[in-house]
ModelCIF file with pLDDT and N, C-alpha, C, O atoms, coordinates in Angstrom:
data_MODEL
#
_entry.id   MODEL 
#
_entity.id                         1 
_entity.type                       polymer 
_entity.pdbx_number_of_molecules   1 
#
_entity_poly.entity_id                      1 
_entity_poly.type                           'polypeptide(L)' 
_entity_poly.nstd_linkage                   no 
_entity_poly.nstd_monomer                   no 
_entity_poly.pdbx_seq_one_letter_code       ARGRGWQLTIGAALFLQLACAAAAGTTQRSIRQSVTVADKQARM 
_entity_poly.pdbx_seq_one_letter_code_can   ARGRGWQLTIGAALFLQLACAAAAGTTQRSIRQSVTVADKQARM 
_entity_poly.pdbx_strand_id                 A 
#
loop_
_entity_poly_seq.entity_id 
_entity_poly_seq.num 
_entity_poly_seq.mon_id 
_entity_poly_seq.hetero 
1 1  ALA n 
1 2  ARG n 
1 3  GLY n 
1 4  ARG n 
1 5  GLY n 
1 6  TRP n 
1 7  GLN n 
1 8  LEU n 
1 9  THR n 
1 10 ILE n 
1 11 GLY n 
1 12 ALA n 
1 13 ALA n 
1 14 LEU n 
1 15 PHE n 
1 16 LEU n 
1 17 GLN n 
1 18 LEU n 
1 19 ALA n 
1 20 CYS n 
1 21 ALA n 
1 22 ALA n 
1 23 ALA n 
1 24 ALA n 
1 25 GLY n 
1 26 THR n 
1 27 THR n 
1 28 GLN n 
1 29 ARG n 
1 30 SER n 
1 31 ILE n 
1 32 ARG n 
1 33 GLN n 
1 34 SER n 
1 35 VAL n 
1 36 THR n 
1 37 VAL n 
1 38 ALA n 
1 39 ASP n 
1 40 LYS n 
1 41 GLN n 
1 42 ALA n 
1 43 ARG n 
1 44 MET n 
#
_struct_asym.id          A 
_struct_asym.entity_id   1 
#
loop_
_ma_qa_metric.id 
_ma_qa_metric.mode 
_ma_qa_metric.name 
_ma_qa_metric.software_group_id 
_ma_qa_metric.type 
1 global pLDDT . pLDDT 
2 local  pLDDT . pLDDT 
#
_ma_qa_metric_global.metric_id      1 
_ma_qa_metric_global.metric_value   92.57 
_ma_qa_metric_global.model_id       1 
_ma_qa_metric_global.ordinal_id     1 
#
loop_
_ma_qa_metric_local.label_asym_id 
_ma_qa_metric_local.label_comp_id 
_ma_qa_metric_local.label_seq_id 
_ma_qa_metric_local.metric_id 
_ma_qa_metric_local.metric_value 
_ma_qa_metric_local.model_id 
_ma_qa_metric_local.ordinal_id 
A ALA 1  2 92.00 1 1  
A ARG 2  2 93.00 1 2  
A GLY 3  2 93.00 1 3  
A ARG 4  2 95.00 1 4  
A GLY 5  2 94.00 1 5  
A TRP 6  2 94.00 1 6  
A GLN 7  2 95.00 1 7  
A LEU 8  2 96.00 1 8  
A THR 9  2 95.00 1 9  
A ILE 10 2 95.00 1 10 
A GLY 11 2 95.00 1 11 
A ALA 12 2 96.00 1 12 
A ALA 13 2 95.00 1 13 
A LEU 14 2 95.00 1 14 
A PHE 15 2 96.00 1 15 
A LEU 16 2 95.00 1 16 
A GLN 17 2 95.00 1 17 
A LEU 18 2 95.00 1 18 
A ALA 19 2 95.00 1 19 
A CYS 20 2 95.00 1 20 
A ALA 21 2 93.00 1 21 
A ALA 22 2 94.00 1 22 
A ALA 23 2 93.00 1 23 
A ALA 24 2 93.00 1 24 
A GLY 25 2 91.00 1 25 
A THR 26 2 92.00 1 26 
A THR 27 2 92.00 1 27 
A GLN 28 2 90.00 1 28 
A ARG 29 2 89.00 1 29 
A SER 30 2 90.00 1 30 
A ILE 31 2 91.00 1 31 
A ARG 32 2 89.00 1 32 
A GLN 33 2 89.00 1 33 
A SER 34 2 92.00 1 34 
A VAL 35 2 92.00 1 35 
A THR 36 2 91.00 1 36 
A VAL 37 2 92.00 1 37 
A ALA 38 2 89.00 1 38 
A ASP 39 2 91.00 1 39 
A LYS 40 2 90.00 1 40 
A GLN 41 2 89.00 1 41 
A ALA 42 2 89.00 1 42 
A ARG 43 2 90.00 1 43 
A MET 44 2 88.00 1 44 
#
loop_
_atom_site.group_PDB 
_atom_site.id 
_atom_site.type_symbol 
_atom_site.label_atom_id 
_atom_site.label_alt_id 
_atom_site.label_comp_id 
_atom_site.label_asym_id 
_atom_site.label_entity_id 
_atom_site.label_seq_id 
_atom_site.pdbx_PDB_ins_code 
_atom_site.Cartn_x 
_atom_site.Cartn_y 
_atom_site.Cartn_z 
_atom_site.occupancy 
_atom_site.B_iso_or_equiv 
_atom_site.pdbx_formal_charge 
_atom_site.auth_seq_id 
_atom_site.auth_comp_id 
_atom_site.auth_asym_id 
_atom_site.auth_atom_id 
_atom_site.pdbx_PDB_model_num 
ATOM 1   N N  . ALA A 1 1  ? 201.542 -126.485 75.225 1.00 92.00 ? 1  ALA A N  1 
ATOM 2   C CA . ALA A 1 1  ? 202.775 -126.354 74.445 1.00 92.00 ? 1  ALA A CA 1 
ATOM 3   C C  . ALA A 1 1  ? 203.559 -127.655 74.633 1.00 92.00 ? 1  ALA A C  1 
ATOM 4   O O  . ALA A 1 1  ? 203.093 -128.575 75.305 1.00 92.00 ? 1  ALA A O  1 
ATOM 5   N N  . ARG A 1 2  ? 204.716 -127.723 74.052 1.00 93.00 ? 2  ARG A N  1 
ATOM 6   C CA . ARG A 1 2  ? 205.533 -128.932 74.196 1.00 93.00 ? 2  ARG A CA 1 
ATOM 7   C C  . ARG A 1 2  ? 206.079 -129.027 75.613 1.00 93.00 ? 2  ARG A C  1 
ATOM 8   O O  . ARG A 1 2  ? 206.319 -128.021 76.279 1.00 93.00 ? 2  ARG A O  1 
ATOM 9   N N  . GLY A 1 3  ? 206.264 -130.249 76.045 1.00 93.00 ? 3  GLY A N  1 
ATOM 10  C CA . GLY A 1 3  ? 206.904 -130.449 77.345 1.00 93.00 ? 3  GLY A CA 1 
ATOM 11  C C  . GLY A 1 3  ? 206.148 -131.424 78.221 1.00 93.00 ? 3  GLY A C  1 
ATOM 12  O O  . GLY A 1 3  ? 204.943 -131.630 78.073 1.00 93.00 ? 3  GLY A O  1 
ATOM 13  N N  . ARG A 1 4  ? 206.890 -132.015 79.135 1.00 95.00 ? 4  ARG A N  1 
ATOM 14  C CA . ARG A 1 4  ? 206.312 -133.002 80.039 1.00 95.00 ? 4  ARG A CA 1 
ATOM 15  C C  . ARG A 1 4  ? 205.265 -132.380 80.966 1.00 95.00 ? 4  ARG A C  1 
ATOM 16  O O  . ARG A 1 4  ? 204.281 -133.031 81.320 1.00 95.00 ? 4  ARG A O  1 
ATOM 17  N N  . GLY A 1 5  ? 205.474 -131.144 81.351 1.00 94.00 ? 5  GLY A N  1 
ATOM 18  C CA . GLY A 1 5  ? 204.507 -130.484 82.236 1.00 94.00 ? 5  GLY A CA 1 
ATOM 19  C C  . GLY A 1 5  ? 203.120 -130.413 81.620 1.00 94.00 ? 5  GLY A C  1 
ATOM 20  O O  . GLY A 1 5  ? 202.116 -130.645 82.293 1.00 94.00 ? 5  GLY A O  1 
ATOM 21  N N  . TRP A 1 6  ? 203.075 -130.090 80.337 1.00 94.00 ? 6  TRP A N  1 
ATOM 22  C CA . TRP A 1 6  ? 201.778 -130.012 79.657 1.00 94.00 ? 6  TRP A CA 1 
ATOM 23  C C  . TRP A 1 6  ? 201.176 -131.400 79.460 1.00 94.00 ? 6  TRP A C  1 
ATOM 24  O O  . TRP A 1 6  ? 199.956 -131.560 79.502 1.00 94.00 ? 6  TRP A O  1 
ATOM 25  N N  . GLN A 1 7  ? 202.023 -132.397 79.248 1.00 95.00 ? 7  GLN A N  1 
ATOM 26  C CA . GLN A 1 7  ? 201.505 -133.766 79.138 1.00 95.00 ? 7  GLN A CA 1 
ATOM 27  C C  . GLN A 1 7  ? 200.837 -134.194 80.439 1.00 95.00 ? 7  GLN A C  1 
ATOM 28  O O  . GLN A 1 7  ? 199.769 -134.805 80.431 1.00 95.00 ? 7  GLN A O  1 
ATOM 29  N N  . LEU A 1 8  ? 201.478 -133.865 81.549 1.00 96.00 ? 8  LEU A N  1 
ATOM 30  C CA . LEU A 1 8  ? 200.889 -134.199 82.852 1.00 96.00 ? 8  LEU A CA 1 
ATOM 31  C C  . LEU A 1 8  ? 199.605 -133.408 83.104 1.00 96.00 ? 8  LEU A C  1 
ATOM 32  O O  . LEU A 1 8  ? 198.646 -133.926 83.676 1.00 96.00 ? 8  LEU A O  1 
ATOM 33  N N  . THR A 1 9  ? 199.601 -132.153 82.670 1.00 95.00 ? 9  THR A N  1 
ATOM 34  C CA . THR A 1 9  ? 198.403 -131.322 82.840 1.00 95.00 ? 9  THR A CA 1 
ATOM 35  C C  . THR A 1 9  ? 197.233 -131.876 82.022 1.00 95.00 ? 9  THR A C  1 
ATOM 36  O O  . THR A 1 9  ? 196.105 -131.939 82.510 1.00 95.00 ? 9  THR A O  1 
ATOM 37  N N  . ILE A 1 10 ? 197.502 -132.269 80.795 1.00 95.00 ? 10 ILE A N  1 
ATOM 38  C CA . ILE A 1 10 ? 196.446 -132.833 79.950 1.00 95.00 ? 10 ILE A CA 1 
ATOM 39  C C  . ILE A 1 10 ? 195.973 -134.166 80.528 1.00 95.00 ? 10 ILE A C  1 
ATOM 40  O O  . ILE A 1 10 ? 194.779 -134.466 80.498 1.00 95.00 ? 10 ILE A O  1 
ATOM 41  N N  . GLY A 1 11 ? 196.902 -134.966 81.053 1.00 95.00 ? 11 GLY A N  1 
ATOM 42  C CA . GLY A 1 11 ? 196.515 -136.227 81.689 1.00 95.00 ? 11 GLY A CA 1 
ATOM 43  C C  . GLY A 1 11 ? 195.636 -136.004 82.906 1.00 95.00 ? 11 GLY A C  1 
ATOM 44  O O  . GLY A 1 11 ? 194.658 -136.725 83.106 1.00 95.00 ? 11 GLY A O  1 
ATOM 45  N N  . ALA A 1 12 ? 195.974 -135.011 83.721 1.00 96.00 ? 12 ALA A N  1 
ATOM 46  C CA . ALA A 1 12 ? 195.155 -134.695 84.894 1.00 96.00 ? 12 ALA A CA 1 
ATOM 47  C C  . ALA A 1 12 ? 193.779 -134.185 84.477 1.00 96.00 ? 12 ALA A C  1 
ATOM 48  O O  . ALA A 1 12 ? 192.775 -134.511 85.109 1.00 96.00 ? 12 ALA A O  1 
ATOM 49  N N  . ALA A 1 13 ? 193.734 -133.382 83.409 1.00 95.00 ? 13 ALA A N  1 
ATOM 50  C CA . ALA A 1 13 ? 192.447 -132.869 82.918 1.00 95.00 ? 13 ALA A CA 1 
ATOM 51  C C  . ALA A 1 13 ? 191.578 -134.018 82.400 1.00 95.00 ? 13 ALA A C  1 
ATOM 52  O O  . ALA A 1 13 ? 190.366 -134.032 82.615 1.00 95.00 ? 13 ALA A O  1 
ATOM 53  N N  . LEU A 1 14 ? 192.203 -134.979 81.719 1.00 95.00 ? 14 LEU A N  1 
ATOM 54  C CA . LEU A 1 14 ? 191.456 -136.132 81.239 1.00 95.00 ? 14 LEU A CA 1 
ATOM 55  C C  . LEU A 1 14 ? 190.925 -136.967 82.400 1.00 95.00 ? 14 LEU A C  1 
ATOM 56  O O  . LEU A 1 14 ? 189.787 -137.433 82.365 1.00 95.00 ? 14 LEU A O  1 
ATOM 57  N N  . PHE A 1 15 ? 191.747 -137.153 83.420 1.00 96.00 ? 15 PHE A N  1 
ATOM 58  C CA . PHE A 1 15 ? 191.292 -137.879 84.610 1.00 96.00 ? 15 PHE A CA 1 
ATOM 59  C C  . PHE A 1 15 ? 190.106 -137.172 85.255 1.00 96.00 ? 15 PHE A C  1 
ATOM 60  O O  . PHE A 1 15 ? 189.130 -137.817 85.639 1.00 96.00 ? 15 PHE A O  1 
ATOM 61  N N  . LEU A 1 16 ? 190.188 -135.854 85.375 1.00 95.00 ? 16 LEU A N  1 
ATOM 62  C CA . LEU A 1 16 ? 189.079 -135.083 85.955 1.00 95.00 ? 16 LEU A CA 1 
ATOM 63  C C  . LEU A 1 16 ? 187.830 -135.197 85.100 1.00 95.00 ? 16 LEU A C  1 
ATOM 64  O O  . LEU A 1 16 ? 186.723 -135.306 85.626 1.00 95.00 ? 16 LEU A O  1 
ATOM 65  N N  . GLN A 1 17 ? 188.002 -135.174 83.778 1.00 95.00 ? 17 GLN A N  1 
ATOM 66  C CA . GLN A 1 17 ? 186.856 -135.307 82.879 1.00 95.00 ? 17 GLN A CA 1 
ATOM 67  C C  . GLN A 1 17 ? 186.182 -136.669 83.058 1.00 95.00 ? 17 GLN A C  1 
ATOM 68  O O  . GLN A 1 17 ? 184.955 -136.748 83.114 1.00 95.00 ? 17 GLN A O  1 
ATOM 69  N N  . LEU A 1 18 ? 186.961 -137.725 83.147 1.00 95.00 ? 18 LEU A N  1 
ATOM 70  C CA . LEU A 1 18 ? 186.386 -139.060 83.345 1.00 95.00 ? 18 LEU A CA 1 
ATOM 71  C C  . LEU A 1 18 ? 185.722 -139.191 84.710 1.00 95.00 ? 18 LEU A C  1 
ATOM 72  O O  . LEU A 1 18 ? 184.679 -139.834 84.834 1.00 95.00 ? 18 LEU A O  1 
ATOM 73  N N  . ALA A 1 19 ? 186.317 -138.588 85.732 1.00 95.00 ? 19 ALA A N  1 
ATOM 74  C CA . ALA A 1 19 ? 185.719 -138.627 87.068 1.00 95.00 ? 19 ALA A CA 1 
ATOM 75  C C  . ALA A 1 19 ? 184.383 -137.876 87.082 1.00 95.00 ? 19 ALA A C  1 
ATOM 76  O O  . ALA A 1 19 ? 183.420 -138.320 87.706 1.00 95.00 ? 19 ALA A O  1 
ATOM 77  N N  . CYS A 1 20 ? 184.336 -136.738 86.389 1.00 95.00 ? 20 CYS A N  1 
ATOM 78  C CA . CYS A 1 20 ? 183.078 -135.979 86.310 1.00 95.00 ? 20 CYS A CA 1 
ATOM 79  C C  . CYS A 1 20 ? 182.014 -136.766 85.561 1.00 95.00 ? 20 CYS A C  1 
ATOM 80  O O  . CYS A 1 20 ? 180.848 -136.757 85.956 1.00 95.00 ? 20 CYS A O  1 
ATOM 81  N N  . ALA A 1 21 ? 182.396 -137.444 84.491 1.00 93.00 ? 21 ALA A N  1 
ATOM 82  C CA . ALA A 1 21 ? 181.432 -138.239 83.735 1.00 93.00 ? 21 ALA A CA 1 
ATOM 83  C C  . ALA A 1 21 ? 180.899 -139.387 84.582 1.00 93.00 ? 21 ALA A C  1 
ATOM 84  O O  . ALA A 1 21 ? 179.708 -139.693 84.531 1.00 93.00 ? 21 ALA A O  1 
ATOM 85  N N  . ALA A 1 22 ? 181.760 -140.018 85.350 1.00 94.00 ? 22 ALA A N  1 
ATOM 86  C CA . ALA A 1 22 ? 181.313 -141.108 86.227 1.00 94.00 ? 22 ALA A CA 1 
ATOM 87  C C  . ALA A 1 22 ? 180.389 -140.587 87.318 1.00 94.00 ? 22 ALA A C  1 
ATOM 88  O O  . ALA A 1 22 ? 179.369 -141.208 87.617 1.00 94.00 ? 22 ALA A O  1 
ATOM 89  N N  . ALA A 1 23 ? 180.737 -139.453 87.912 1.00 93.00 ? 23 ALA A N  1 
ATOM 90  C CA . ALA A 1 23 ? 179.899 -138.885 88.972 1.00 93.00 ? 23 ALA A CA 1 
ATOM 91  C C  . ALA A 1 23 ? 178.534 -138.459 88.434 1.00 93.00 ? 23 ALA A C  1 
ATOM 92  O O  . ALA A 1 23 ? 177.510 -138.707 89.069 1.00 93.00 ? 23 ALA A O  1 
ATOM 93  N N  . ALA A 1 24 ? 178.521 -137.825 87.275 1.00 93.00 ? 24 ALA A N  1 
ATOM 94  C CA . ALA A 1 24 ? 177.254 -137.381 86.688 1.00 93.00 ? 24 ALA A CA 1 
ATOM 95  C C  . ALA A 1 24 ? 176.393 -138.576 86.297 1.00 93.00 ? 24 ALA A C  1 
ATOM 96  O O  . ALA A 1 24 ? 175.184 -138.570 86.531 1.00 93.00 ? 24 ALA A O  1 
ATOM 97  N N  . GLY A 1 25 ? 176.999 -139.594 85.706 1.00 91.00 ? 25 GLY A N  1 
ATOM 98  C CA . GLY A 1 25 ? 176.236 -140.778 85.300 1.00 91.00 ? 25 GLY A CA 1 
ATOM 99  C C  . GLY A 1 25 ? 175.659 -141.534 86.475 1.00 91.00 ? 25 GLY A C  1 
ATOM 100 O O  . GLY A 1 25 ? 174.507 -141.966 86.439 1.00 91.00 ? 25 GLY A O  1 
ATOM 101 N N  . THR A 1 26 ? 176.461 -141.694 87.523 1.00 92.00 ? 26 THR A N  1 
ATOM 102 C CA . THR A 1 26 ? 175.986 -142.400 88.713 1.00 92.00 ? 26 THR A CA 1 
ATOM 103 C C  . THR A 1 26 ? 174.858 -141.639 89.386 1.00 92.00 ? 26 THR A C  1 
ATOM 104 O O  . THR A 1 26 ? 173.860 -142.230 89.799 1.00 92.00 ? 26 THR A O  1 
ATOM 105 N N  . THR A 1 27 ? 175.016 -140.331 89.497 1.00 92.00 ? 27 THR A N  1 
ATOM 106 C CA . THR A 1 27 ? 173.973 -139.511 90.110 1.00 92.00 ? 27 THR A CA 1 
ATOM 107 C C  . THR A 1 27 ? 172.703 -139.543 89.279 1.00 92.00 ? 27 THR A C  1 
ATOM 108 O O  . THR A 1 27 ? 171.601 -139.620 89.824 1.00 92.00 ? 27 THR A O  1 
ATOM 109 N N  . GLN A 1 28 ? 172.851 -139.484 87.969 1.00 90.00 ? 28 GLN A N  1 
ATOM 110 C CA . GLN A 1 28 ? 171.685 -139.512 87.084 1.00 90.00 ? 28 GLN A CA 1 
ATOM 111 C C  . GLN A 1 28 ? 170.924 -140.832 87.225 1.00 90.00 ? 28 GLN A C  1 
ATOM 112 O O  . GLN A 1 28 ? 169.695 -140.836 87.297 1.00 90.00 ? 28 GLN A O  1 
ATOM 113 N N  . ARG A 1 29 ? 171.646 -141.941 87.264 1.00 89.00 ? 29 ARG A N  1 
ATOM 114 C CA . ARG A 1 29 ? 170.978 -143.239 87.423 1.00 89.00 ? 29 ARG A CA 1 
ATOM 115 C C  . ARG A 1 29 ? 170.299 -143.361 88.781 1.00 89.00 ? 29 ARG A C  1 
ATOM 116 O O  . ARG A 1 29 ? 169.213 -143.932 88.880 1.00 89.00 ? 29 ARG A O  1 
ATOM 117 N N  . SER A 1 30 ? 170.924 -142.832 89.823 1.00 90.00 ? 30 SER A N  1 
ATOM 118 C CA . SER A 1 30 ? 170.330 -142.890 91.160 1.00 90.00 ? 30 SER A CA 1 
ATOM 119 C C  . SER A 1 30 ? 169.040 -142.083 91.218 1.00 90.00 ? 30 SER A C  1 
ATOM 120 O O  . SER A 1 30 ? 168.049 -142.534 91.792 1.00 90.00 ? 30 SER A O  1 
ATOM 121 N N  . ILE A 1 31 ? 169.050 -140.901 90.630 1.00 91.00 ? 31 ILE A N  1 
ATOM 122 C CA . ILE A 1 31 ? 167.845 -140.070 90.613 1.00 91.00 ? 31 ILE A CA 1 
ATOM 123 C C  . ILE A 1 31 ? 166.753 -140.756 89.803 1.00 91.00 ? 31 ILE A C  1 
ATOM 124 O O  . ILE A 1 31 ? 165.589 -140.774 90.204 1.00 91.00 ? 31 ILE A O  1 
ATOM 125 N N  . ARG A 1 32 ? 167.136 -141.321 88.659 1.00 89.00 ? 32 ARG A N  1 
ATOM 126 C CA . ARG A 1 32 ? 166.160 -142.007 87.812 1.00 89.00 ? 32 ARG A CA 1 
ATOM 127 C C  . ARG A 1 32 ? 165.511 -143.172 88.564 1.00 89.00 ? 32 ARG A C  1 
ATOM 128 O O  . ARG A 1 32 ? 164.301 -143.374 88.462 1.00 89.00 ? 32 ARG A O  1 
ATOM 129 N N  . GLN A 1 33 ? 166.293 -143.928 89.306 1.00 89.00 ? 33 GLN A N  1 
ATOM 130 C CA . GLN A 1 33 ? 165.741 -145.060 90.051 1.00 89.00 ? 33 GLN A CA 1 
ATOM 131 C C  . GLN A 1 33 ? 164.846 -144.609 91.200 1.00 89.00 ? 33 GLN A C  1 
ATOM 132 O O  . GLN A 1 33 ? 163.855 -145.267 91.517 1.00 89.00 ? 33 GLN A O  1 
ATOM 133 N N  . SER A 1 34 ? 165.198 -143.483 91.822 1.00 92.00 ? 34 SER A N  1 
ATOM 134 C CA . SER A 1 34 ? 164.394 -143.039 92.965 1.00 92.00 ? 34 SER A CA 1 
ATOM 135 C C  . SER A 1 34 ? 163.051 -142.443 92.554 1.00 92.00 ? 34 SER A C  1 
ATOM 136 O O  . SER A 1 34 ? 162.109 -142.462 93.346 1.00 92.00 ? 34 SER A O  1 
ATOM 137 N N  . VAL A 1 35 ? 162.940 -141.916 91.337 1.00 92.00 ? 35 VAL A N  1 
ATOM 138 C CA . VAL A 1 35 ? 161.672 -141.311 90.920 1.00 92.00 ? 35 VAL A CA 1 
ATOM 139 C C  . VAL A 1 35 ? 160.800 -142.257 90.102 1.00 92.00 ? 35 VAL A C  1 
ATOM 140 O O  . VAL A 1 35 ? 159.654 -141.929 89.795 1.00 92.00 ? 35 VAL A O  1 
ATOM 141 N N  . THR A 1 36 ? 161.329 -143.428 89.746 1.00 91.00 ? 36 THR A N  1 
ATOM 142 C CA . THR A 1 36 ? 160.568 -144.387 88.952 1.00 91.00 ? 36 THR A CA 1 
ATOM 143 C C  . THR A 1 36 ? 159.962 -145.442 89.870 1.00 91.00 ? 36 THR A C  1 
ATOM 144 O O  . THR A 1 36 ? 160.630 -145.949 90.772 1.00 91.00 ? 36 THR A O  1 
ATOM 145 N N  . VAL A 1 37 ? 158.699 -145.769 89.637 1.00 92.00 ? 37 VAL A N  1 
ATOM 146 C CA . VAL A 1 37 ? 158.053 -146.801 90.457 1.00 92.00 ? 37 VAL A CA 1 
ATOM 147 C C  . VAL A 1 37 ? 158.724 -148.147 90.204 1.00 92.00 ? 37 VAL A C  1 
ATOM 148 O O  . VAL A 1 37 ? 159.291 -148.377 89.136 1.00 92.00 ? 37 VAL A O  1 
ATOM 149 N N  . ALA A 1 38 ? 158.655 -149.025 91.186 1.00 89.00 ? 38 ALA A N  1 
ATOM 150 C CA . ALA A 1 38 ? 159.420 -150.278 91.167 1.00 89.00 ? 38 ALA A CA 1 
ATOM 151 C C  . ALA A 1 38 ? 159.113 -151.159 89.956 1.00 89.00 ? 38 ALA A C  1 
ATOM 152 O O  . ALA A 1 38 ? 160.027 -151.752 89.384 1.00 89.00 ? 38 ALA A O  1 
ATOM 153 N N  . ASP A 1 39 ? 157.854 -151.253 89.558 1.00 91.00 ? 39 ASP A N  1 
ATOM 154 C CA . ASP A 1 39 ? 157.524 -152.164 88.455 1.00 91.00 ? 39 ASP A CA 1 
ATOM 155 C C  . ASP A 1 39 ? 157.879 -151.595 87.077 1.00 91.00 ? 39 ASP A C  1 
ATOM 156 O O  . ASP A 1 39 ? 157.770 -152.308 86.079 1.00 91.00 ? 39 ASP A O  1 
ATOM 157 N N  . LYS A 1 40 ? 158.294 -150.347 87.001 1.00 90.00 ? 40 LYS A N  1 
ATOM 158 C CA . LYS A 1 40 ? 158.681 -149.736 85.721 1.00 90.00 ? 40 LYS A CA 1 
ATOM 159 C C  . LYS A 1 40 ? 160.190 -149.487 85.609 1.00 90.00 ? 40 LYS A C  1 
ATOM 160 O O  . LYS A 1 40 ? 160.639 -148.927 84.608 1.00 90.00 ? 40 LYS A O  1 
ATOM 161 N N  . GLN A 1 41 ? 160.980 -149.887 86.607 1.00 89.00 ? 41 GLN A N  1 
ATOM 162 C CA . GLN A 1 41 ? 162.404 -149.586 86.584 1.00 89.00 ? 41 GLN A CA 1 
ATOM 163 C C  . GLN A 1 41 ? 163.142 -150.302 85.457 1.00 89.00 ? 41 GLN A C  1 
ATOM 164 O O  . GLN A 1 41 ? 164.053 -149.730 84.859 1.00 89.00 ? 41 GLN A O  1 
ATOM 165 N N  . ALA A 1 42 ? 162.770 -151.525 85.164 1.00 89.00 ? 42 ALA A N  1 
ATOM 166 C CA . ALA A 1 42 ? 163.429 -152.248 84.073 1.00 89.00 ? 42 ALA A CA 1 
ATOM 167 C C  . ALA A 1 42 ? 163.164 -151.563 82.740 1.00 89.00 ? 42 ALA A C  1 
ATOM 168 O O  . ALA A 1 42 ? 164.060 -151.456 81.902 1.00 89.00 ? 42 ALA A O  1 
ATOM 169 N N  . ARG A 1 43 ? 161.950 -151.105 82.546 1.00 90.00 ? 43 ARG A N  1 
ATOM 170 C CA . ARG A 1 43 ? 161.622 -150.411 81.302 1.00 90.00 ? 43 ARG A CA 1 
ATOM 171 C C  . ARG A 1 43 ? 162.367 -149.079 81.213 1.00 90.00 ? 43 ARG A C  1 
ATOM 172 O O  . ARG A 1 43 ? 162.848 -148.705 80.144 1.00 90.00 ? 43 ARG A O  1 
ATOM 173 N N  . MET A 1 44 ? 162.462 -148.371 82.327 1.00 88.00 ? 44 MET A N  1 
ATOM 174 C CA . MET A 1 44 ? 163.187 -147.091 82.344 1.00 88.00 ? 44 MET A CA 1 
ATOM 175 C C  . MET A 1 44 ? 164.671 -147.309 82.033 1.00 88.00 ? 44 MET A C  1 
ATOM 176 O O  . MET A 1 44 ? 165.442 -146.351 82.001 1.00 88.00 ? 44 MET A O  1 
#
């Protein structure tokens, strides 16, 4: 609804969403690197 409280809530939700995306992406890349053999990592 209208109001500064909701603006702060939406801002916090956006921050959490970006933090989750960063955590998921970093974890995904780490897993991908650990299961791929060394000479195929650039291609992956």
